[in-house]
N, C-alpha and C. Protein backbone atom coordinates (compact mmCIF):
# COMPACT_ATOMS: atom_id res chain seq x y z
N SER A 1 -9.22 28.21 7.47
CA SER A 1 -9.55 28.13 8.87
C SER A 1 -11.00 27.78 9.04
N LEU A 2 -11.38 27.33 10.21
CA LEU A 2 -12.74 26.89 10.45
C LEU A 2 -13.72 28.05 10.57
N ILE A 3 -13.27 29.21 11.04
CA ILE A 3 -14.16 30.33 11.31
C ILE A 3 -13.74 31.51 10.43
N ASP A 4 -14.74 32.06 9.69
CA ASP A 4 -14.48 33.25 8.89
C ASP A 4 -14.26 34.43 9.83
N THR A 5 -13.66 35.49 9.32
CA THR A 5 -13.41 36.67 10.15
C THR A 5 -14.71 37.32 10.59
N SER A 6 -15.72 37.30 9.73
CA SER A 6 -17.01 37.89 10.13
C SER A 6 -17.66 37.06 11.22
N ASP A 7 -17.57 35.72 11.12
CA ASP A 7 -18.11 34.85 12.16
C ASP A 7 -17.35 35.04 13.46
N ALA A 8 -16.04 35.16 13.37
CA ALA A 8 -15.22 35.35 14.56
C ALA A 8 -15.56 36.67 15.23
N ALA A 9 -15.80 37.70 14.43
CA ALA A 9 -16.14 39.00 15.00
C ALA A 9 -17.46 38.93 15.74
N GLU A 10 -18.45 38.22 15.18
CA GLU A 10 -19.74 38.09 15.84
C GLU A 10 -19.62 37.31 17.14
N LEU A 11 -18.86 36.24 17.11
CA LEU A 11 -18.68 35.45 18.34
C LEU A 11 -17.95 36.26 19.41
N THR A 12 -16.95 37.03 18.99
CA THR A 12 -16.22 37.87 19.94
C THR A 12 -17.16 38.90 20.56
N ALA A 13 -17.99 39.52 19.75
CA ALA A 13 -18.95 40.50 20.27
C ALA A 13 -19.92 39.85 21.23
N PHE A 14 -20.37 38.65 20.91
CA PHE A 14 -21.28 37.93 21.78
C PHE A 14 -20.64 37.64 23.14
N VAL A 15 -19.40 37.14 23.11
CA VAL A 15 -18.70 36.80 24.36
C VAL A 15 -18.43 38.05 25.18
N GLN A 16 -18.00 39.12 24.52
CA GLN A 16 -17.72 40.36 25.25
C GLN A 16 -18.99 40.93 25.85
N ALA A 17 -20.07 40.84 25.13
CA ALA A 17 -21.34 41.36 25.65
C ALA A 17 -21.78 40.54 26.85
N ALA A 18 -21.57 39.22 26.78
CA ALA A 18 -21.97 38.37 27.89
C ALA A 18 -21.10 38.61 29.11
N GLN A 19 -19.82 38.91 28.91
CA GLN A 19 -18.91 39.14 30.03
C GLN A 19 -19.07 40.53 30.62
N GLY A 20 -19.43 41.50 29.83
CA GLY A 20 -19.51 42.89 30.30
C GLY A 20 -20.90 43.27 30.77
N SER A 21 -21.71 42.33 31.05
CA SER A 21 -23.10 42.59 31.44
C SER A 21 -23.17 43.31 32.78
N ASP A 22 -23.99 44.38 32.82
CA ASP A 22 -24.22 45.13 34.06
C ASP A 22 -25.64 44.91 34.54
N ASP A 23 -26.24 43.75 34.15
CA ASP A 23 -27.62 43.48 34.52
C ASP A 23 -27.73 43.18 36.01
N THR A 24 -28.92 42.90 36.40
CA THR A 24 -29.20 42.66 37.82
C THR A 24 -28.52 41.41 38.30
N ALA A 25 -28.47 41.25 39.58
CA ALA A 25 -27.84 40.09 40.21
C ALA A 25 -28.59 38.82 39.85
N ASP A 26 -29.89 38.94 39.61
CA ASP A 26 -30.66 37.75 39.24
C ASP A 26 -30.19 37.20 37.89
N ASP A 27 -29.98 38.10 36.95
CA ASP A 27 -29.52 37.66 35.64
C ASP A 27 -28.16 36.96 35.75
N GLU A 28 -27.28 37.51 36.58
CA GLU A 28 -25.96 36.92 36.74
C GLU A 28 -26.05 35.59 37.47
N ALA A 29 -26.93 35.51 38.41
CA ALA A 29 -27.07 34.28 39.18
C ALA A 29 -27.55 33.13 38.30
N PHE A 30 -28.43 33.41 37.37
CA PHE A 30 -28.95 32.38 36.48
C PHE A 30 -28.15 32.24 35.21
N GLY A 31 -27.14 33.05 35.02
CA GLY A 31 -26.30 32.97 33.83
C GLY A 31 -27.00 33.46 32.59
N ALA A 32 -28.00 34.31 32.75
CA ALA A 32 -28.73 34.83 31.59
C ALA A 32 -27.84 35.82 30.86
N PRO A 33 -27.79 35.77 29.55
CA PRO A 33 -26.96 36.71 28.81
C PRO A 33 -27.57 38.10 28.80
N ALA A 34 -26.74 39.06 28.61
CA ALA A 34 -27.19 40.44 28.57
C ALA A 34 -28.05 40.65 27.33
N ALA A 35 -28.93 41.64 27.43
CA ALA A 35 -29.80 41.94 26.31
C ALA A 35 -28.99 42.37 25.09
N ALA A 36 -27.83 42.95 25.30
CA ALA A 36 -27.00 43.41 24.19
C ALA A 36 -26.53 42.23 23.34
N ALA A 37 -26.45 41.05 23.94
CA ALA A 37 -26.02 39.88 23.19
C ALA A 37 -27.03 39.51 22.11
N TYR A 38 -28.28 39.87 22.33
CA TYR A 38 -29.32 39.55 21.37
C TYR A 38 -29.50 40.64 20.31
N GLU A 39 -28.85 41.76 20.50
CA GLU A 39 -28.97 42.83 19.53
C GLU A 39 -28.42 42.42 18.17
N GLY A 40 -27.45 41.54 18.17
CA GLY A 40 -26.84 41.08 16.92
C GLY A 40 -27.83 40.32 16.07
N GLU A 41 -28.88 39.74 16.67
CA GLU A 41 -29.85 38.95 15.90
C GLU A 41 -30.52 39.80 14.84
N SER A 42 -30.89 40.98 15.17
CA SER A 42 -31.60 41.80 14.20
C SER A 42 -30.66 42.31 13.12
N ARG A 43 -29.37 42.47 13.43
CA ARG A 43 -28.43 43.00 12.45
C ARG A 43 -27.89 41.92 11.52
N SER A 44 -27.55 40.74 12.03
CA SER A 44 -26.80 39.79 11.21
C SER A 44 -27.41 38.40 11.12
N GLY A 45 -28.60 38.22 11.53
CA GLY A 45 -29.20 36.90 11.42
C GLY A 45 -29.05 36.10 12.69
N GLY A 46 -28.31 36.60 13.63
CA GLY A 46 -28.26 35.98 14.95
C GLY A 46 -27.10 35.03 15.16
N ILE A 47 -26.82 34.90 16.41
CA ILE A 47 -25.73 34.02 16.85
C ILE A 47 -26.07 32.57 16.52
N ILE A 48 -27.31 32.21 16.66
CA ILE A 48 -27.70 30.82 16.40
C ILE A 48 -27.44 30.48 14.94
N ASP A 49 -27.78 31.41 14.04
CA ASP A 49 -27.51 31.17 12.63
C ASP A 49 -26.01 31.02 12.38
N THR A 50 -25.23 31.86 13.05
CA THR A 50 -23.78 31.79 12.90
C THR A 50 -23.25 30.44 13.39
N LEU A 51 -23.75 30.02 14.55
CA LEU A 51 -23.32 28.74 15.09
C LEU A 51 -23.77 27.58 14.19
N GLU A 52 -24.97 27.68 13.63
CA GLU A 52 -25.43 26.64 12.72
C GLU A 52 -24.57 26.60 11.46
N ASP A 53 -24.19 27.79 10.96
CA ASP A 53 -23.29 27.83 9.81
C ASP A 53 -21.95 27.18 10.13
N LEU A 54 -21.44 27.47 11.32
CA LEU A 54 -20.17 26.86 11.74
C LEU A 54 -20.32 25.35 11.86
N LEU A 55 -21.46 24.91 12.40
CA LEU A 55 -21.70 23.48 12.51
C LEU A 55 -21.76 22.83 11.13
N ASP A 56 -22.46 23.47 10.20
CA ASP A 56 -22.53 22.94 8.84
C ASP A 56 -21.15 22.85 8.20
N LYS A 57 -20.34 23.89 8.39
CA LYS A 57 -18.99 23.88 7.84
C LYS A 57 -18.16 22.75 8.46
N ALA A 58 -18.28 22.60 9.77
CA ALA A 58 -17.53 21.56 10.46
C ALA A 58 -17.95 20.17 9.98
N GLU A 59 -19.28 19.97 9.83
CA GLU A 59 -19.76 18.68 9.34
C GLU A 59 -19.31 18.43 7.91
N SER A 60 -19.32 19.46 7.10
CA SER A 60 -18.85 19.33 5.72
C SER A 60 -17.37 18.95 5.69
N GLN A 61 -16.56 19.60 6.51
CA GLN A 61 -15.14 19.28 6.56
C GLN A 61 -14.92 17.87 7.10
N LEU A 62 -15.75 17.47 8.07
CA LEU A 62 -15.63 16.12 8.61
C LEU A 62 -15.97 15.09 7.54
N ASP A 63 -17.05 15.33 6.79
CA ASP A 63 -17.42 14.42 5.70
C ASP A 63 -16.30 14.34 4.66
N GLU A 64 -15.75 15.49 4.32
CA GLU A 64 -14.66 15.53 3.34
C GLU A 64 -13.45 14.74 3.84
N SER A 65 -13.12 14.93 5.11
CA SER A 65 -11.98 14.21 5.70
C SER A 65 -12.26 12.71 5.73
N ARG A 66 -13.48 12.33 6.08
CA ARG A 66 -13.83 10.90 6.10
C ARG A 66 -13.74 10.31 4.70
N ASN A 67 -14.22 11.06 3.70
CA ASN A 67 -14.13 10.56 2.33
C ASN A 67 -12.69 10.39 1.89
N LYS A 68 -11.85 11.36 2.24
CA LYS A 68 -10.42 11.25 1.90
C LYS A 68 -9.80 10.05 2.60
N GLU A 69 -10.15 9.86 3.86
CA GLU A 69 -9.60 8.74 4.63
C GLU A 69 -10.06 7.41 4.02
N THR A 70 -11.33 7.33 3.66
CA THR A 70 -11.86 6.11 3.06
C THR A 70 -11.15 5.81 1.74
N LYS A 71 -10.97 6.84 0.92
CA LYS A 71 -10.27 6.65 -0.36
C LYS A 71 -8.82 6.23 -0.12
N ALA A 72 -8.17 6.87 0.83
CA ALA A 72 -6.77 6.52 1.12
C ALA A 72 -6.67 5.08 1.62
N LYS A 73 -7.62 4.68 2.45
CA LYS A 73 -7.63 3.30 2.97
C LYS A 73 -7.84 2.32 1.82
N TYR A 74 -8.78 2.63 0.93
CA TYR A 74 -9.05 1.77 -0.22
C TYR A 74 -7.81 1.67 -1.11
N ASP A 75 -7.19 2.83 -1.38
CA ASP A 75 -5.98 2.83 -2.21
C ASP A 75 -4.88 2.00 -1.58
N TYR A 76 -4.72 2.12 -0.26
CA TYR A 76 -3.71 1.34 0.46
C TYR A 76 -4.01 -0.15 0.34
N GLU A 77 -5.28 -0.52 0.56
CA GLU A 77 -5.64 -1.94 0.49
C GLU A 77 -5.41 -2.51 -0.91
N MET A 78 -5.72 -1.72 -1.94
CA MET A 78 -5.49 -2.18 -3.31
C MET A 78 -3.99 -2.33 -3.59
N LEU A 79 -3.20 -1.39 -3.10
CA LEU A 79 -1.75 -1.47 -3.28
C LEU A 79 -1.19 -2.68 -2.55
N LEU A 80 -1.67 -2.89 -1.33
CA LEU A 80 -1.23 -4.04 -0.55
C LEU A 80 -1.59 -5.34 -1.25
N GLN A 81 -2.83 -5.44 -1.75
CA GLN A 81 -3.27 -6.64 -2.46
C GLN A 81 -2.44 -6.87 -3.71
N SER A 82 -2.17 -5.80 -4.43
CA SER A 82 -1.34 -5.90 -5.63
C SER A 82 0.05 -6.43 -5.29
N GLY A 83 0.63 -5.91 -4.22
CA GLY A 83 1.96 -6.36 -3.79
C GLY A 83 1.95 -7.82 -3.37
N GLU A 84 0.89 -8.22 -2.65
CA GLU A 84 0.80 -9.61 -2.21
C GLU A 84 0.63 -10.54 -3.42
N ASP A 85 -0.19 -10.12 -4.38
CA ASP A 85 -0.37 -10.94 -5.59
C ASP A 85 0.93 -11.06 -6.37
N GLU A 86 1.63 -9.95 -6.51
CA GLU A 86 2.90 -9.97 -7.24
C GLU A 86 3.90 -10.88 -6.54
N THR A 87 3.95 -10.82 -5.22
CA THR A 87 4.85 -11.68 -4.46
C THR A 87 4.49 -13.15 -4.66
N LYS A 88 3.18 -13.45 -4.61
CA LYS A 88 2.72 -14.83 -4.78
C LYS A 88 3.12 -15.37 -6.16
N PHE A 89 2.89 -14.58 -7.21
CA PHE A 89 3.22 -15.03 -8.56
C PHE A 89 4.73 -15.12 -8.77
N THR A 90 5.47 -14.21 -8.17
CA THR A 90 6.92 -14.26 -8.28
C THR A 90 7.47 -15.51 -7.59
N LYS A 91 6.92 -15.85 -6.43
CA LYS A 91 7.35 -17.07 -5.73
C LYS A 91 7.03 -18.31 -6.56
N LYS A 92 5.84 -18.32 -7.20
CA LYS A 92 5.47 -19.45 -8.04
C LYS A 92 6.44 -19.57 -9.21
N ASP A 93 6.73 -18.45 -9.85
CA ASP A 93 7.68 -18.47 -10.97
C ASP A 93 9.06 -18.96 -10.51
N MET A 94 9.48 -18.52 -9.34
CA MET A 94 10.78 -18.93 -8.81
C MET A 94 10.77 -20.43 -8.50
N ASP A 95 9.68 -20.94 -7.92
CA ASP A 95 9.59 -22.38 -7.65
C ASP A 95 9.64 -23.18 -8.94
N ASP A 96 8.92 -22.70 -9.97
CA ASP A 96 8.94 -23.38 -11.27
C ASP A 96 10.36 -23.37 -11.86
N ALA A 97 11.04 -22.25 -11.74
CA ALA A 97 12.41 -22.16 -12.25
C ALA A 97 13.34 -23.11 -11.50
N LYS A 98 13.17 -23.21 -10.18
CA LYS A 98 14.00 -24.13 -9.39
C LYS A 98 13.75 -25.57 -9.80
N LYS A 99 12.48 -25.93 -10.06
CA LYS A 99 12.15 -27.29 -10.51
C LYS A 99 12.78 -27.57 -11.87
N SER A 100 12.73 -26.58 -12.75
CA SER A 100 13.33 -26.73 -14.08
C SER A 100 14.84 -26.91 -13.97
N ILE A 101 15.46 -26.15 -13.10
CA ILE A 101 16.91 -26.26 -12.90
C ILE A 101 17.26 -27.64 -12.35
N ALA A 102 16.45 -28.12 -11.40
CA ALA A 102 16.71 -29.44 -10.82
C ALA A 102 16.57 -30.53 -11.88
N ALA A 103 15.52 -30.42 -12.71
CA ALA A 103 15.32 -31.42 -13.77
C ALA A 103 16.47 -31.36 -14.78
N ALA A 104 16.89 -30.16 -15.15
CA ALA A 104 17.99 -30.02 -16.10
C ALA A 104 19.29 -30.55 -15.51
N SER A 105 19.51 -30.30 -14.22
CA SER A 105 20.72 -30.80 -13.56
C SER A 105 20.73 -32.32 -13.54
N GLU A 106 19.57 -32.91 -13.33
CA GLU A 106 19.47 -34.37 -13.32
C GLU A 106 19.77 -34.93 -14.72
N LYS A 107 19.20 -34.28 -15.74
CA LYS A 107 19.46 -34.73 -17.12
C LYS A 107 20.94 -34.58 -17.46
N LEU A 108 21.54 -33.49 -17.00
CA LEU A 108 22.96 -33.25 -17.26
C LEU A 108 23.81 -34.33 -16.60
N SER A 109 23.50 -34.67 -15.36
CA SER A 109 24.26 -35.72 -14.66
C SER A 109 24.13 -37.06 -15.39
N THR A 110 22.92 -37.36 -15.81
CA THR A 110 22.69 -38.62 -16.54
C THR A 110 23.48 -38.62 -17.86
N ALA A 111 23.41 -37.51 -18.58
CA ALA A 111 24.12 -37.41 -19.86
C ALA A 111 25.63 -37.50 -19.66
N GLU A 112 26.15 -36.85 -18.60
CA GLU A 112 27.59 -36.92 -18.33
C GLU A 112 28.02 -38.35 -18.01
N GLY A 113 27.18 -39.06 -17.24
CA GLY A 113 27.47 -40.46 -16.92
C GLY A 113 27.48 -41.32 -18.17
N GLU A 114 26.49 -41.11 -19.04
CA GLU A 114 26.43 -41.88 -20.29
C GLU A 114 27.61 -41.54 -21.19
N LEU A 115 28.02 -40.26 -21.20
CA LEU A 115 29.18 -39.85 -22.00
C LEU A 115 30.44 -40.53 -21.50
N THR A 116 30.62 -40.60 -20.20
CA THR A 116 31.80 -41.26 -19.63
C THR A 116 31.83 -42.74 -20.03
N VAL A 117 30.69 -43.41 -19.96
CA VAL A 117 30.61 -44.82 -20.35
C VAL A 117 30.92 -44.97 -21.84
N ALA A 118 30.33 -44.08 -22.66
CA ALA A 118 30.55 -44.14 -24.11
C ALA A 118 32.02 -43.90 -24.45
N LYS A 119 32.68 -42.97 -23.74
CA LYS A 119 34.11 -42.72 -24.00
C LYS A 119 34.94 -43.94 -23.66
N LYS A 120 34.62 -44.62 -22.55
CA LYS A 120 35.36 -45.83 -22.17
C LYS A 120 35.15 -46.92 -23.21
N GLU A 121 33.89 -47.07 -23.66
CA GLU A 121 33.61 -48.10 -24.68
C GLU A 121 34.34 -47.76 -25.98
N LEU A 122 34.34 -46.46 -26.35
CA LEU A 122 35.03 -46.03 -27.56
C LEU A 122 36.53 -46.31 -27.44
N ALA A 123 37.08 -45.98 -26.31
CA ALA A 123 38.51 -46.23 -26.12
C ALA A 123 38.81 -47.73 -26.23
N GLY A 124 37.94 -48.55 -25.64
CA GLY A 124 38.12 -50.01 -25.75
C GLY A 124 37.99 -50.47 -27.19
N ASP A 125 37.00 -49.94 -27.90
CA ASP A 125 36.79 -50.31 -29.31
C ASP A 125 37.96 -49.86 -30.18
N VAL A 126 38.48 -48.65 -29.94
CA VAL A 126 39.64 -48.17 -30.70
C VAL A 126 40.84 -49.05 -30.43
N LYS A 127 41.02 -49.45 -29.19
CA LYS A 127 42.15 -50.33 -28.84
C LYS A 127 41.98 -51.69 -29.50
N ALA A 128 40.74 -52.21 -29.48
CA ALA A 128 40.48 -53.51 -30.09
C ALA A 128 40.66 -53.43 -31.60
N LYS A 129 40.24 -52.32 -32.20
CA LYS A 129 40.41 -52.12 -33.64
C LYS A 129 41.90 -52.09 -33.99
N GLY A 130 42.64 -51.35 -33.16
CA GLY A 130 44.09 -51.28 -33.40
C GLY A 130 44.75 -52.66 -33.31
N ALA A 131 44.34 -53.44 -32.32
CA ALA A 131 44.91 -54.79 -32.17
C ALA A 131 44.51 -55.67 -33.35
N LEU A 132 43.22 -55.56 -33.77
CA LEU A 132 42.73 -56.35 -34.89
C LEU A 132 43.45 -55.95 -36.18
N HIS A 133 43.62 -54.65 -36.35
CA HIS A 133 44.33 -54.15 -37.53
C HIS A 133 45.77 -54.67 -37.54
N HIS A 134 46.41 -54.66 -36.39
CA HIS A 134 47.78 -55.16 -36.28
C HIS A 134 47.84 -56.65 -36.61
N ASP A 135 46.88 -57.42 -36.09
CA ASP A 135 46.85 -58.86 -36.38
C ASP A 135 46.64 -59.12 -37.87
N CYS A 136 45.74 -58.34 -38.45
CA CYS A 136 45.46 -58.50 -39.89
C CYS A 136 46.71 -58.21 -40.71
N MET A 137 47.40 -57.12 -40.38
CA MET A 137 48.59 -56.74 -41.11
C MET A 137 49.69 -57.79 -40.92
N SER A 138 49.78 -58.32 -39.74
CA SER A 138 50.79 -59.34 -39.48
C SER A 138 50.51 -60.60 -40.26
N ARG A 139 49.31 -61.02 -40.38
CA ARG A 139 48.94 -62.23 -41.13
C ARG A 139 49.02 -61.99 -42.63
N ALA A 140 48.77 -60.80 -43.03
CA ALA A 140 48.84 -60.50 -44.47
C ALA A 140 50.27 -60.52 -44.94
N GLN A 141 51.22 -60.21 -44.14
CA GLN A 141 52.61 -60.20 -44.52
C GLN A 141 53.24 -61.60 -44.34
N SER A 142 52.66 -62.44 -43.65
CA SER A 142 53.25 -63.74 -43.47
C SER A 142 52.92 -64.73 -44.54
């Protein structure tokens, strides 16, 4: 918590003393605190010291919170940058893979076309060989 129990007790005593004041009407009119409110100064270092301690604690907590926030923001930005870089490199790799697939598909189509032509030529050559072989055999027997 922001306020220690001893600090809270001192502040409570200060407020109660200020509210329960039986001083003159002049003191009340000007909002002057009762003399009893100042009695704590001699016993505990005073209300001002307590308030300064509270201020120091609050500033310390604020600095700590700001440092945590700054670190969290930095960590987030680094994570975001890492994710963006990973996405960029993954997209580049995917584009390269797509180009490779397209080039391979083109080579495959060309090779299949050449294979079809070669099969037709082979079939024609086999047929011509068969006809030539038949002619040779026919002339050899005659």
